[in-house]
Amino acid sequence: LIFLSAMSNAIATSILAEKGDGASLDDDVVAEVLSSTVVLLGLSTACLGAVLIMMGKFRLADAVAYLPLPGEYDLVHLAFLELILVVILS
């Protein structure tokens, strides 16, 4: 839920930033923020569900064991996570 809250905040902030600093919160802006947030949260939840179903279908649940648990981060794990992030973003 924390991730969804952060995502909702980012969506609302980006839409309001496009409107400019002097934009008033009229009904059109509120409707745009609300509709965009609801649609994107629904799509992201559906995508996560599809990924979880595919992981179960192809028996990839063992791959989760390779992810580090909170509190177990050492230099090797952090370097591995940075490498994944660089590969995804490039």
N, C-alpha and C. Protein backbone atom coordinates (compact mmCIF):
# COMPACT_ATOMS: atom_id res chain seq x y z
N LEU A 1 0.81 -1.19 0.00
CA LEU A 1 0.00 0.00 0.00
C LEU A 1 0.85 1.25 0.00
N ILE A 2 2.01 1.18 0.59
CA ILE A 2 2.89 2.35 0.62
C ILE A 2 3.34 2.69 -0.80
N PHE A 3 3.63 1.66 -1.59
CA PHE A 3 4.05 1.88 -2.97
C PHE A 3 2.92 2.52 -3.77
N LEU A 4 1.69 2.05 -3.60
CA LEU A 4 0.56 2.62 -4.33
C LEU A 4 0.31 4.06 -3.91
N SER A 5 0.50 4.37 -2.64
CA SER A 5 0.35 5.74 -2.16
C SER A 5 1.40 6.65 -2.78
N ALA A 6 2.63 6.17 -2.84
CA ALA A 6 3.70 6.97 -3.46
C ALA A 6 3.44 7.16 -4.95
N MET A 7 2.92 6.13 -5.60
CA MET A 7 2.61 6.24 -7.02
C MET A 7 1.48 7.24 -7.26
N SER A 8 0.46 7.22 -6.42
CA SER A 8 -0.64 8.18 -6.54
C SER A 8 -0.15 9.61 -6.34
N ASN A 9 0.73 9.79 -5.38
CA ASN A 9 1.29 11.11 -5.12
C ASN A 9 2.11 11.59 -6.31
N ALA A 10 2.89 10.70 -6.92
CA ALA A 10 3.70 11.08 -8.08
C ALA A 10 2.83 11.45 -9.27
N ILE A 11 1.74 10.72 -9.48
CA ILE A 11 0.83 11.03 -10.59
C ILE A 11 0.20 12.40 -10.38
N ALA A 12 -0.31 12.64 -9.19
CA ALA A 12 -0.95 13.92 -8.90
C ALA A 12 0.04 15.07 -9.00
N THR A 13 1.24 14.88 -8.49
CA THR A 13 2.25 15.93 -8.55
C THR A 13 2.64 16.26 -9.97
N SER A 14 2.79 15.22 -10.82
CA SER A 14 3.19 15.48 -12.21
C SER A 14 2.09 16.19 -12.99
N ILE A 15 0.84 15.83 -12.75
CA ILE A 15 -0.26 16.50 -13.45
C ILE A 15 -0.37 17.94 -13.00
N LEU A 16 -0.24 18.19 -11.70
CA LEU A 16 -0.32 19.55 -11.20
C LEU A 16 0.87 20.39 -11.65
N ALA A 17 2.05 19.76 -11.81
CA ALA A 17 3.22 20.49 -12.29
C ALA A 17 3.04 20.91 -13.74
N GLU A 18 2.38 20.08 -14.54
CA GLU A 18 2.11 20.44 -15.94
C GLU A 18 1.17 21.63 -16.03
N LYS A 19 0.28 21.78 -15.08
CA LYS A 19 -0.68 22.88 -15.10
C LYS A 19 -0.06 24.20 -14.70
N GLY A 20 1.11 24.15 -14.09
CA GLY A 20 1.79 25.37 -13.66
C GLY A 20 1.54 25.66 -12.20
N ASP A 21 2.36 26.54 -11.65
CA ASP A 21 2.26 26.85 -10.22
C ASP A 21 1.01 27.66 -9.89
N GLY A 22 0.55 28.47 -10.83
CA GLY A 22 -0.60 29.33 -10.55
C GLY A 22 -1.94 28.67 -10.85
N ALA A 23 -1.93 27.41 -11.17
CA ALA A 23 -3.18 26.74 -11.54
C ALA A 23 -4.06 26.57 -10.31
N SER A 24 -5.32 26.91 -10.50
CA SER A 24 -6.26 26.71 -9.41
C SER A 24 -6.81 25.29 -9.49
N LEU A 25 -7.25 24.79 -8.38
CA LEU A 25 -7.78 23.44 -8.34
C LEU A 25 -9.27 23.46 -8.70
N ASP A 26 -9.55 23.67 -9.98
CA ASP A 26 -10.94 23.65 -10.41
C ASP A 26 -11.39 22.21 -10.63
N ASP A 27 -12.63 22.04 -11.00
CA ASP A 27 -13.19 20.69 -11.14
C ASP A 27 -12.51 19.89 -12.24
N ASP A 28 -12.06 20.55 -13.31
CA ASP A 28 -11.41 19.83 -14.40
C ASP A 28 -10.07 19.24 -13.97
N VAL A 29 -9.30 20.00 -13.22
CA VAL A 29 -7.99 19.52 -12.75
C VAL A 29 -8.18 18.38 -11.76
N VAL A 30 -9.11 18.53 -10.85
CA VAL A 30 -9.38 17.47 -9.87
C VAL A 30 -9.85 16.20 -10.57
N ALA A 31 -10.72 16.35 -11.57
CA ALA A 31 -11.20 15.19 -12.31
C ALA A 31 -10.07 14.51 -13.08
N GLU A 32 -9.15 15.30 -13.64
CA GLU A 32 -8.03 14.73 -14.38
C GLU A 32 -7.09 13.96 -13.46
N VAL A 33 -6.80 14.53 -12.31
CA VAL A 33 -5.93 13.86 -11.34
C VAL A 33 -6.58 12.58 -10.85
N LEU A 34 -7.84 12.66 -10.49
CA LEU A 34 -8.54 11.49 -9.96
C LEU A 34 -8.67 10.38 -10.98
N SER A 35 -9.08 10.73 -12.20
CA SER A 35 -9.26 9.69 -13.22
C SER A 35 -7.93 9.06 -13.62
N SER A 36 -6.88 9.87 -13.76
CA SER A 36 -5.57 9.33 -14.11
C SER A 36 -5.05 8.40 -13.02
N THR A 37 -5.23 8.81 -11.77
CA THR A 37 -4.75 8.00 -10.66
C THR A 37 -5.48 6.67 -10.57
N VAL A 38 -6.80 6.70 -10.71
CA VAL A 38 -7.58 5.46 -10.60
C VAL A 38 -7.24 4.50 -11.74
N VAL A 39 -7.13 5.02 -12.95
CA VAL A 39 -6.82 4.16 -14.10
C VAL A 39 -5.42 3.56 -13.98
N LEU A 40 -4.43 4.39 -13.65
CA LEU A 40 -3.06 3.88 -13.56
C LEU A 40 -2.85 2.92 -12.40
N LEU A 41 -3.52 3.15 -11.27
CA LEU A 41 -3.42 2.20 -10.16
C LEU A 41 -4.07 0.87 -10.53
N GLY A 42 -5.19 0.92 -11.23
CA GLY A 42 -5.84 -0.31 -11.68
C GLY A 42 -4.98 -1.08 -12.67
N LEU A 43 -4.38 -0.37 -13.62
CA LEU A 43 -3.52 -1.03 -14.61
C LEU A 43 -2.28 -1.63 -13.96
N SER A 44 -1.68 -0.89 -13.04
CA SER A 44 -0.47 -1.43 -12.39
C SER A 44 -0.79 -2.63 -11.52
N THR A 45 -1.93 -2.63 -10.86
CA THR A 45 -2.33 -3.78 -10.06
C THR A 45 -2.61 -4.99 -10.94
N ALA A 46 -3.25 -4.76 -12.10
CA ALA A 46 -3.52 -5.85 -13.04
C ALA A 46 -2.22 -6.42 -13.60
N CYS A 47 -1.27 -5.54 -13.91
CA CYS A 47 0.03 -6.02 -14.42
C CYS A 47 0.77 -6.84 -13.36
N LEU A 48 0.73 -6.39 -12.12
CA LEU A 48 1.36 -7.16 -11.04
C LEU A 48 0.70 -8.53 -10.90
N GLY A 49 -0.62 -8.56 -10.98
CA GLY A 49 -1.33 -9.83 -10.92
C GLY A 49 -0.93 -10.76 -12.05
N ALA A 50 -0.80 -10.21 -13.26
CA ALA A 50 -0.39 -11.03 -14.41
C ALA A 50 1.01 -11.58 -14.22
N VAL A 51 1.91 -10.76 -13.69
CA VAL A 51 3.28 -11.23 -13.43
C VAL A 51 3.27 -12.35 -12.39
N LEU A 52 2.48 -12.20 -11.34
CA LEU A 52 2.42 -13.24 -10.31
C LEU A 52 1.82 -14.53 -10.85
N ILE A 53 0.81 -14.42 -11.71
CA ILE A 53 0.22 -15.62 -12.32
C ILE A 53 1.24 -16.32 -13.22
N MET A 54 1.97 -15.54 -14.01
CA MET A 54 2.97 -16.13 -14.90
C MET A 54 4.11 -16.78 -14.10
N MET A 55 4.50 -16.14 -12.99
CA MET A 55 5.54 -16.74 -12.15
C MET A 55 5.06 -18.07 -11.59
N GLY A 56 3.80 -18.15 -11.21
CA GLY A 56 3.25 -19.40 -10.70
C GLY A 56 3.13 -20.45 -11.79
N LYS A 57 2.71 -20.03 -12.99
CA LYS A 57 2.53 -20.97 -14.09
C LYS A 57 3.86 -21.59 -14.52
N PHE A 58 4.90 -20.76 -14.59
CA PHE A 58 6.21 -21.25 -15.02
C PHE A 58 7.10 -21.67 -13.86
N ARG A 59 6.52 -21.77 -12.68
CA ARG A 59 7.21 -22.22 -11.47
C ARG A 59 8.51 -21.44 -11.22
N LEU A 60 8.36 -20.12 -11.22
CA LEU A 60 9.51 -19.25 -10.99
C LEU A 60 9.54 -18.69 -9.56
N ALA A 61 8.78 -19.27 -8.68
CA ALA A 61 8.73 -18.78 -7.30
C ALA A 61 10.08 -18.94 -6.61
N ASP A 62 10.89 -19.89 -7.03
CA ASP A 62 12.21 -20.07 -6.43
C ASP A 62 13.13 -18.90 -6.73
N ALA A 63 12.84 -18.13 -7.79
CA ALA A 63 13.67 -16.98 -8.12
C ALA A 63 13.58 -15.90 -7.05
N VAL A 64 12.49 -15.87 -6.29
CA VAL A 64 12.33 -14.88 -5.24
C VAL A 64 13.36 -15.10 -4.13
N ALA A 65 13.84 -16.32 -3.98
CA ALA A 65 14.83 -16.62 -2.94
C ALA A 65 16.14 -15.89 -3.18
N TYR A 66 16.39 -15.46 -4.41
CA TYR A 66 17.63 -14.75 -4.72
C TYR A 66 17.56 -13.27 -4.35
N LEU A 67 16.38 -12.76 -4.05
CA LEU A 67 16.26 -11.37 -3.63
C LEU A 67 16.65 -11.26 -2.17
N PRO A 68 17.40 -10.23 -1.82
CA PRO A 68 17.80 -10.09 -0.42
C PRO A 68 16.64 -9.64 0.44
N LEU A 69 16.62 -10.11 1.68
CA LEU A 69 15.60 -9.71 2.64
C LEU A 69 16.02 -8.39 3.29
N PRO A 70 15.08 -7.62 3.80
CA PRO A 70 15.45 -6.38 4.50
C PRO A 70 16.37 -6.68 5.67
N GLY A 71 17.40 -5.90 5.80
CA GLY A 71 18.37 -6.11 6.87
C GLY A 71 19.53 -6.99 6.45
N GLU A 72 19.44 -7.62 5.29
CA GLU A 72 20.51 -8.49 4.82
C GLU A 72 21.31 -7.86 3.69
N TYR A 73 21.20 -6.56 3.54
CA TYR A 73 21.92 -5.90 2.46
C TYR A 73 23.39 -5.78 2.81
N ASP A 74 24.21 -6.35 1.99
CA ASP A 74 25.64 -6.14 2.12
C ASP A 74 26.13 -5.59 0.78
N LEU A 75 27.40 -5.43 0.63
CA LEU A 75 27.95 -4.80 -0.57
C LEU A 75 27.64 -5.60 -1.82
N VAL A 76 27.66 -6.92 -1.75
CA VAL A 76 27.39 -7.75 -2.93
C VAL A 76 25.94 -7.60 -3.36
N HIS A 77 25.01 -7.63 -2.41
CA HIS A 77 23.60 -7.48 -2.76
C HIS A 77 23.32 -6.10 -3.35
N LEU A 78 23.89 -5.07 -2.75
CA LEU A 78 23.65 -3.73 -3.26
C LEU A 78 24.23 -3.56 -4.66
N ALA A 79 25.39 -4.13 -4.92
CA ALA A 79 25.98 -4.06 -6.26
C ALA A 79 25.10 -4.81 -7.26
N PHE A 80 24.56 -5.95 -6.87
CA PHE A 80 23.68 -6.71 -7.74
C PHE A 80 22.41 -5.94 -8.06
N LEU A 81 21.82 -5.31 -7.05
CA LEU A 81 20.60 -4.52 -7.26
C LEU A 81 20.88 -3.30 -8.14
N GLU A 82 22.04 -2.67 -7.95
CA GLU A 82 22.41 -1.55 -8.83
C GLU A 82 22.59 -1.99 -10.25
N LEU A 83 23.17 -3.16 -10.46
CA LEU A 83 23.36 -3.68 -11.81
C LEU A 83 22.00 -3.93 -12.48
N ILE A 84 21.07 -4.49 -11.75
CA ILE A 84 19.74 -4.72 -12.29
C ILE A 84 19.09 -3.39 -12.67
N LEU A 85 19.21 -2.40 -11.82
CA LEU A 85 18.63 -1.09 -12.08
C LEU A 85 19.26 -0.44 -13.30
N VAL A 86 20.56 -0.54 -13.46
CA VAL A 86 21.23 0.03 -14.62
C VAL A 86 20.79 -0.67 -15.88
N VAL A 87 20.65 -1.99 -15.85
CA VAL A 87 20.21 -2.74 -17.03
C VAL A 87 18.79 -2.36 -17.40
N ILE A 88 17.92 -2.20 -16.41
CA ILE A 88 16.53 -1.86 -16.68
C ILE A 88 16.42 -0.45 -17.24
N LEU A 89 17.17 0.49 -16.70
CA LEU A 89 17.06 1.87 -17.12
C LEU A 89 17.80 2.19 -18.42
N SER A 90 18.68 1.31 -18.83
CA SER A 90 19.40 1.61 -20.07
C SER A 90 18.78 0.96 -21.29
